[in-house]
Every structure is written in C-alpha cells, then in structure tokens.
PDB file of N, CA and C in Angstrom:
ATOM      1  N   MET A   1      58.699  16.278 -75.332  1.00  0.00           N
ATOM      2  CA  MET A   1      59.995  16.819 -74.999  1.00  0.00           C
ATOM      3  C   MET A   1      60.176  18.116 -75.787  1.00  0.00           C
ATOM      4  N   GLY A   2      60.646  19.142 -75.114  1.00  0.00           N
ATOM      5  CA  GLY A   2      60.826  20.413 -75.788  1.00  0.00           C
ATOM      6  C   GLY A   2      61.981  21.188 -75.184  1.00  0.00           C
ATOM      7  N   ASN A   3      62.327  22.254 -75.815  1.00  0.00           N
ATOM      8  CA  ASN A   3      63.408  23.107 -75.335  1.00  0.00           C
ATOM      9  C   ASN A   3      62.846  24.463 -74.965  1.00  0.00           C
ATOM     10  N   LEU A   4      63.365  25.036 -73.892  1.00  0.00           N
ATOM     11  CA  LEU A   4      63.005  26.383 -73.504  1.00  0.00           C
ATOM     12  C   LEU A   4      63.933  27.347 -74.229  1.00  0.00           C
ATOM     13  N   TYR A   5      63.367  28.379 -74.854  1.00  0.00           N
ATOM     14  CA  TYR A   5      64.191  29.384 -75.508  1.00  0.00           C
ATOM     15  C   TYR A   5      63.547  30.741 -75.320  1.00  0.00           C
ATOM     16  N   SER A   6      64.266  31.790 -75.658  1.00  0.00           N
ATOM     17  CA  SER A   6      63.731  33.149 -75.530  1.00  0.00           C
ATOM     18  C   SER A   6      63.923  33.887 -76.847  1.00  0.00           C
ATOM     19  N   ILE A   7      63.083  34.902 -77.041  1.00  0.00           N
ATOM     20  CA  ILE A   7      63.162  35.743 -78.230  1.00  0.00           C
ATOM     21  C   ILE A   7      63.471  37.152 -77.748  1.00  0.00           C
ATOM     22  N   THR A   8      64.666  37.615 -78.050  1.00  0.00           N
ATOM     23  CA  THR A   8      65.110  38.923 -77.577  1.00  0.00           C
ATOM     24  C   THR A   8      65.218  39.942 -78.705  1.00  0.00           C
ATOM     25  N   LYS A   9      65.126  39.506 -79.930  1.00  0.00           N
ATOM     26  CA  LYS A   9      65.205  40.414 -81.078  1.00  0.00           C
ATOM     27  C   LYS A   9      63.812  40.878 -81.465  1.00  0.00           C
ATOM     28  N   GLY A  10      63.726  42.010 -82.119  1.00  0.00           N
ATOM     29  CA  GLY A  10      62.444  42.545 -82.557  1.00  0.00           C
ATOM     30  C   GLY A  10      61.976  41.927 -83.863  1.00  0.00           C
ATOM     31  N   GLN A  11      60.782  42.304 -84.262  1.00  0.00           N
ATOM     32  CA  GLN A  11      60.193  41.771 -85.486  1.00  0.00           C
ATOM     33  C   GLN A  11      61.032  42.077 -86.715  1.00  0.00           C
ATOM     34  N   THR A  12      61.577  43.265 -86.792  1.00  0.00           N
ATOM     35  CA  THR A  12      62.380  43.646 -87.961  1.00  0.00           C
ATOM     36  C   THR A  12      63.586  42.730 -88.104  1.00  0.00           C
ATOM     37  N   ALA A  13      64.271  42.441 -87.016  1.00  0.00           N
ATOM     38  CA  ALA A  13      65.434  41.548 -87.060  1.00  0.00           C
ATOM     39  C   ALA A  13      65.028  40.140 -87.457  1.00  0.00           C
ATOM     40  N   ILE A  14      63.895  39.667 -86.958  1.00  0.00           N
ATOM     41  CA  ILE A  14      63.420  38.319 -87.307  1.00  0.00           C
ATOM     42  C   ILE A  14      63.065  38.267 -88.789  1.00  0.00           C
ATOM     43  N   LEU A  15      62.383  39.289 -89.287  1.00  0.00           N
ATOM     44  CA  LEU A  15      62.013  39.329 -90.708  1.00  0.00           C
ATOM     45  C   LEU A  15      63.240  39.356 -91.608  1.00  0.00           C
ATOM     46  N   GLN A  16      64.235  40.149 -91.246  1.00  0.00           N
ATOM     47  CA  GLN A  16      65.455  40.217 -92.051  1.00  0.00           C
ATOM     48  C   GLN A  16      66.223  38.901 -92.027  1.00  0.00           C
ATOM     49  N   PHE A  17      66.337  38.282 -90.864  1.00  0.00           N
ATOM     50  CA  PHE A  17      67.094  37.036 -90.734  1.00  0.00           C
ATOM     51  C   PHE A  17      66.430  35.893 -91.491  1.00  0.00           C
ATOM     52  N   THR A  18      65.093  35.807 -91.419  1.00  0.00           N
ATOM     53  CA  THR A  18      64.377  34.689 -92.046  1.00  0.00           C
ATOM     54  C   THR A  18      63.960  34.970 -93.479  1.00  0.00           C
ATOM     55  N   ARG A  19      64.125  36.224 -93.918  1.00  0.00           N
ATOM     56  CA  ARG A  19      63.717  36.655 -95.249  1.00  0.00           C
ATOM     57  C   ARG A  19      62.216  36.453 -95.485  1.00  0.00           C
ATOM     58  N   ALA A  20      61.433  36.586 -94.417  1.00  0.00           N
ATOM     59  CA  ALA A  20      59.974  36.505 -94.546  1.00  0.00           C
ATOM     60  C   ALA A  20      59.467  37.774 -95.202  1.00  0.00           C
ATOM     61  N   MET A  21      58.462  37.646 -96.055  1.00  0.00           N
ATOM     62  CA  MET A  21      57.936  38.787 -96.793  1.00  0.00           C
ATOM     63  C   MET A  21      56.666  39.349 -96.154  1.00  0.00           C
ATOM     64  N   ARG A  22      55.981  38.552 -95.352  1.00  0.00           N
ATOM     65  CA  ARG A  22      54.755  39.007 -94.699  1.00  0.00           C
ATOM     66  C   ARG A  22      54.882  38.818 -93.196  1.00  0.00           C
ATOM     67  N   ASP A  23      54.280  39.742 -92.464  1.00  0.00           N
ATOM     68  CA  ASP A  23      54.302  39.689 -91.001  1.00  0.00           C
ATOM     69  C   ASP A  23      52.870  39.656 -90.499  1.00  0.00           C
ATOM     70  N   ARG A  24      52.488  38.553 -89.905  1.00  0.00           N
ATOM     71  CA  ARG A  24      51.133  38.414 -89.367  1.00  0.00           C
ATOM     72  C   ARG A  24      51.157  38.223 -87.849  1.00  0.00           C
ATOM     73  N   THR A  25      52.208  38.705 -87.202  1.00  0.00           N
ATOM     74  CA  THR A  25      52.336  38.509 -85.760  1.00  0.00           C
ATOM     75  C   THR A  25      51.689  39.615 -84.950  1.00  0.00           C
ATOM     76  N   GLY A  26      51.380  40.746 -85.556  1.00  0.00           N
ATOM     77  CA  GLY A  26      50.852  41.868 -84.789  1.00  0.00           C
ATOM     78  C   GLY A  26      51.981  42.542 -84.034  1.00  0.00           C
ATOM     79  N   ASN A  27      51.704  43.050 -82.848  1.00  0.00           N
ATOM     80  CA  ASN A  27      52.720  43.694 -82.023  1.00  0.00           C
ATOM     81  C   ASN A  27      53.412  42.617 -81.194  1.00  0.00           C
ATOM     82  N   LEU A  28      54.605  42.246 -81.585  1.00  0.00           N
ATOM     83  CA  LEU A  28      55.322  41.139 -80.944  1.00  0.00           C
ATOM     84  C   LEU A  28      56.243  41.665 -79.846  1.00  0.00           C
ATOM     85  N   PRO A  29      55.907  41.405 -78.579  1.00  0.00           N
ATOM     86  CA  PRO A  29      56.782  41.850 -77.495  1.00  0.00           C
ATOM     87  C   PRO A  29      57.957  40.883 -77.337  1.00  0.00           C
ATOM     88  N   PRO A  30      59.023  41.277 -76.643  1.00  0.00           N
ATOM     89  CA  PRO A  30      60.095  40.321 -76.347  1.00  0.00           C
ATOM     90  C   PRO A  30      59.524  39.169 -75.512  1.00  0.00           C
ATOM     91  N   LEU A  31      59.928  37.972 -75.808  1.00  0.00           N
ATOM     92  CA  LEU A  31      59.443  36.800 -75.081  1.00  0.00           C
ATOM     93  C   LEU A  31      60.620  36.177 -74.327  1.00  0.00           C
ATOM     94  N   PRO A  32      60.768  36.485 -73.030  1.00  0.00           N
ATOM     95  CA  PRO A  32      61.920  35.983 -72.279  1.00  0.00           C
ATOM     96  C   PRO A  32      61.892  34.473 -72.067  1.00  0.00           C
ATOM     97  N   GLY A  33      60.727  33.858 -72.158  1.00  0.00           N
ATOM     98  CA  GLY A  33      60.627  32.407 -72.012  1.00  0.00           C
ATOM     99  C   GLY A  33      59.541  31.866 -72.908  1.00  0.00           C
ATOM    100  N   VAL A  34      59.912  31.065 -73.883  1.00  0.00           N
ATOM    101  CA  VAL A  34      58.939  30.423 -74.764  1.00  0.00           C
ATOM    102  C   VAL A  34      58.856  28.963 -74.340  1.00  0.00           C
ATOM    103  N   PHE A  35      57.712  28.597 -73.812  1.00  0.00           N
ATOM    104  CA  PHE A  35      57.507  27.254 -73.293  1.00  0.00           C
ATOM    105  C   PHE A  35      56.792  26.394 -74.329  1.00  0.00           C
ATOM    106  N   PRO A  36      56.851  25.069 -74.217  1.00  0.00           N
ATOM    107  CA  PRO A  36      56.275  24.183 -75.236  1.00  0.00           C
ATOM    108  C   PRO A  36      54.792  24.408 -75.527  1.00  0.00           C
ATOM    109  N   ASP A  37      54.015  24.900 -74.569  1.00  0.00           N
ATOM    110  CA  ASP A  37      52.577  25.036 -74.811  1.00  0.00           C
ATOM    111  C   ASP A  37      52.137  26.491 -74.972  1.00  0.00           C
ATOM    112  N   THR A  38      53.059  27.390 -75.336  1.00  0.00           N
ATOM    113  CA  THR A  38      52.695  28.789 -75.524  1.00  0.00           C
ATOM    114  C   THR A  38      52.785  29.185 -76.995  1.00  0.00           C
ATOM    115  N   THR A  39      52.196  30.309 -77.328  1.00  0.00           N
ATOM    116  CA  THR A  39      52.224  30.815 -78.690  1.00  0.00           C
ATOM    117  C   THR A  39      53.544  31.543 -78.935  1.00  0.00           C
ATOM    118  N   ALA A  40      54.149  31.275 -80.083  1.00  0.00           N
ATOM    119  CA  ALA A  40      55.433  31.890 -80.434  1.00  0.00           C
ATOM    120  C   ALA A  40      55.480  32.114 -81.941  1.00  0.00           C
ATOM    121  N   PRO A  41      56.329  33.017 -82.402  1.00  0.00           N
ATOM    122  CA  PRO A  41      56.424  33.277 -83.839  1.00  0.00           C
ATOM    123  C   PRO A  41      57.136  32.141 -84.580  1.00  0.00           C
ATOM    124  N   ILE A  42      56.627  31.831 -85.758  1.00  0.00           N
ATOM    125  CA  ILE A  42      57.247  30.848 -86.648  1.00  0.00           C
ATOM    126  C   ILE A  42      57.271  31.429 -88.055  1.00  0.00           C
ATOM    127  N   VAL A  43      58.092  30.872 -88.909  1.00  0.00           N
ATOM    128  CA  VAL A  43      58.113  31.246 -90.329  1.00  0.00           C
ATOM    129  C   VAL A  43      57.665  30.028 -91.116  1.00  0.00           C
ATOM    130  N   ARG A  44      56.702  30.234 -91.994  1.00  0.00           N
ATOM    131  CA  ARG A  44      56.209  29.138 -92.832  1.00  0.00           C
ATOM    132  C   ARG A  44      55.949  29.666 -94.225  1.00  0.00           C
ATOM    133  N   ASN A  45      55.786  28.764 -95.156  1.00  0.00           N
ATOM    134  CA  ASN A  45      55.445  29.150 -96.523  1.00  0.00           C
ATOM    135  C   ASN A  45      53.935  29.293 -96.627  1.00  0.00           C
ATOM    136  N   GLY A  46      53.485  30.412 -97.188  1.00  0.00           N
ATOM    137  CA  GLY A  46      52.066  30.624 -97.420  1.00  0.00           C
ATOM    138  C   GLY A  46      51.596  29.822 -98.619  1.00  0.00           C
ATOM    139  N   GLU A  47      50.304  29.878 -98.875  1.00  0.00           N
ATOM    140  CA  GLU A  47      49.738  29.132-100.004  1.00  0.00           C
ATOM    141  C   GLU A  47      50.317  29.574-101.337  1.00  0.00           C
ATOM    142  N   ASP A  48      50.733  30.834-101.419  1.00  0.00           N
ATOM    143  CA  ASP A  48      51.313  31.338-102.661  1.00  0.00           C
ATOM    144  C   ASP A  48      52.837  31.193-102.696  1.00  0.00           C
ATOM    145  N   GLY A  49      53.417  30.509-101.708  1.00  0.00           N
ATOM    146  CA  GLY A  49      54.851  30.256-101.686  1.00  0.00           C
ATOM    147  C   GLY A  49      55.677  31.345-101.024  1.00  0.00           C
ATOM    148  N   VAL A  50      55.035  32.404-100.546  1.00  0.00           N
ATOM    149  CA  VAL A  50      55.735  33.509 -99.890  1.00  0.00           C
ATOM    150  C   VAL A  50      55.948  33.160 -98.421  1.00  0.00           C
ATOM    151  N   ARG A  51      57.144  33.469 -97.902  1.00  0.00           N
ATOM    152  CA  ARG A  51      57.456  33.203 -96.497  1.00  0.00           C
ATOM    153  C   ARG A  51      56.692  34.167 -95.601  1.00  0.00           C
ATOM    154  N   VAL A  52      56.036  33.608 -94.565  1.00  0.00           N
ATOM    155  CA  VAL A  52      55.170  34.374 -93.678  1.00  0.00           C
ATOM    156  C   VAL A  52      55.627  34.187 -92.238  1.00  0.00           C
ATOM    157  N   LEU A  53      55.789  35.289 -91.512  1.00  0.00           N
ATOM    158  CA  LEU A  53      56.042  35.252 -90.081  1.00  0.00           C
ATOM    159  C   LEU A  53      54.688  35.302 -89.391  1.00  0.00           C
ATOM    160  N   THR A  54      54.360  34.264 -88.643  1.00  0.00           N
ATOM    161  CA  THR A  54      53.056  34.164 -88.002  1.00  0.00           C
ATOM    162  C   THR A  54      53.220  33.525 -86.627  1.00  0.00           C
ATOM    163  N   MET A  55      52.144  33.508 -85.871  1.00  0.00           N
ATOM    164  CA  MET A  55      52.186  32.921 -84.531  1.00  0.00           C
ATOM    165  C   MET A  55      51.585  31.516 -84.574  1.00  0.00           C
ATOM    166  N   ALA A  56      52.140  30.617 -83.777  1.00  0.00           N
ATOM    167  CA  ALA A  56      51.624  29.248 -83.687  1.00  0.00           C
ATOM    168  C   ALA A  56      51.907  28.689 -82.299  1.00  0.00           C
ATOM    169  N   ARG A  57      51.188  27.673 -81.947  1.00  0.00           N
ATOM    170  CA  ARG A  57      51.397  26.999 -80.671  1.00  0.00           C
ATOM    171  C   ARG A  57      51.867  25.590 -80.906  1.00  0.00           C
TER     172      ARG A  57
END
C-alpha cells in the first residue's frame, strides 16, 4: 500500500526545508507523479551523522 505524491519544489527548497547538508541527487527534475516503485529523493543520516539528500526506491 502506498500513496501517490508529487515533487514540485527544486533541490534548493528541499535542502533548506530538510536541513540536509549533502546533495547526492544529481540534476533533480520536477516529479509530477512519484509512484511506489519509482526512484525518488529521500533524506537520511549518513555514516558520519550528516543529513544527506539522496535517491532511493
């Protein structure tokens, strides 16, 4: 079970909102539909404890 959502903000807005210090997403285009089995940006803690914006499925 999952929810459909969209990402309309740019990387800078996502980084500021989540207070992530590293960006490993590359060139992130707007995603009008993020489905349960697609790759989307997430924020997680890195091994050194720093918040990282990265892509995951």
